Amino acid sequence: MNEKEMEFLEEHIPEMVEGAVTQAYWAALASGCKVLIAEEGKLIEVSPNGTRKVLRSIPPPISVKVGQKLEFP
C-alpha cells in the first residue's frame, strides 16, 4: 500500500467508526443486553424492548485539543 492509498483510507476512519458503533449498539440490543447512551445531558439505559430509563444527569462534553492531557480525580 502506498502513501496515497493509506491517506485515502485514513480519511474514512470516522465513517468506519460510526458504522462499527452503530452495529455494536444494535447487536447488543439484539442479544438481549441493555445499552447506555448519553443524550441531552442525561445518561440513558436503553432496553432491548425499546424502553428508555434516565439514570442520571451528566456533565457536558469536554473539548480537547490534539495532544492535550487531562487529569481526572
Protein backbone atom coordinates (compact mmCIF):
# COMPACT_ATOMS: atom_id res chain seq x y z
CA MET A 1 0.00 0.00 0.00
CA ASN A 2 1.41 3.37 -0.93
CA GLU A 3 1.14 6.66 0.98
CA LYS A 4 -1.72 7.99 -1.15
CA GLU A 5 -3.81 4.84 -0.60
CA MET A 6 -3.14 4.95 3.13
CA GLU A 7 -4.17 8.60 3.39
CA PHE A 8 -7.37 7.88 1.47
CA LEU A 9 -8.31 5.09 3.88
CA GLU A 10 -7.36 7.18 6.93
CA GLU A 11 -9.72 9.93 5.78
CA HIS A 12 -12.60 7.47 6.07
CA ILE A 13 -11.83 6.26 9.60
CA PRO A 14 -14.55 8.41 11.22
CA GLU A 15 -17.18 6.91 8.89
CA MET A 16 -15.97 3.38 9.60
CA VAL A 17 -16.03 4.01 13.36
CA GLU A 18 -19.55 5.41 13.20
CA GLY A 19 -20.71 2.29 11.37
CA ALA A 20 -18.98 -0.01 13.85
CA VAL A 21 -20.52 1.76 16.86
CA THR A 22 -23.99 1.60 15.31
CA GLN A 23 -23.56 -2.09 14.54
CA ALA A 24 -22.36 -2.82 18.10
CA TYR A 25 -25.34 -0.89 19.55
CA TRP A 26 -27.88 -2.95 17.61
CA ALA A 27 -26.00 -6.23 18.16
CA ALA A 28 -26.04 -5.65 21.93
CA LEU A 29 -29.77 -4.95 21.94
CA ALA A 30 -30.45 -7.93 19.66
CA SER A 31 -28.58 -10.22 22.06
CA GLY A 32 -30.80 -9.12 24.94
CA CYS A 33 -28.39 -6.68 26.57
CA LYS A 34 -29.13 -3.15 27.73
CA VAL A 35 -27.13 -0.26 26.27
CA LEU A 36 -26.09 3.04 27.86
CA ILE A 37 -26.19 6.20 25.80
CA ALA A 38 -25.54 9.87 26.54
CA GLU A 39 -28.22 12.17 25.20
CA GLU A 40 -29.05 15.80 26.00
CA GLY A 41 -27.04 15.83 29.23
CA LYS A 42 -28.52 12.57 30.52
CA LEU A 43 -27.19 9.03 30.88
CA ILE A 44 -29.91 6.76 29.49
CA GLU A 45 -30.31 2.99 29.69
CA VAL A 46 -31.95 1.52 26.56
CA SER A 47 -33.51 -1.93 26.85
CA PRO A 48 -33.99 -4.45 24.03
CA ASN A 49 -37.74 -3.77 24.06
CA GLY A 50 -37.09 -0.07 23.37
CA THR A 51 -37.83 1.31 26.81
CA ARG A 52 -35.56 4.10 27.98
CA LYS A 53 -34.69 4.91 31.58
CA VAL A 54 -32.86 8.08 32.59
CA LEU A 55 -30.19 7.07 35.09
CA ARG A 56 -28.74 10.48 35.91
CA SER A 57 -27.61 13.84 34.62
CA ILE A 58 -24.08 14.04 33.25
CA PRO A 59 -21.72 16.97 32.76
CA PRO A 60 -21.33 18.48 29.31
CA PRO A 61 -18.67 17.06 26.97
CA ILE A 62 -15.13 18.38 27.36
CA SER A 63 -13.48 19.82 24.27
CA VAL A 64 -9.84 18.79 23.94
CA LYS A 65 -7.10 19.64 21.50
CA VAL A 66 -4.82 17.09 19.90
CA GLY A 67 -2.06 16.24 22.37
CA GLN A 68 -3.83 17.88 25.32
CA LYS A 69 -3.60 15.93 28.58
CA LEU A 70 -6.36 15.90 31.18
CA GLU A 71 -6.25 14.67 34.75
CA PHE A 72 -9.30 13.14 36.38
CA PRO A 73 -9.80 12.71 40.10
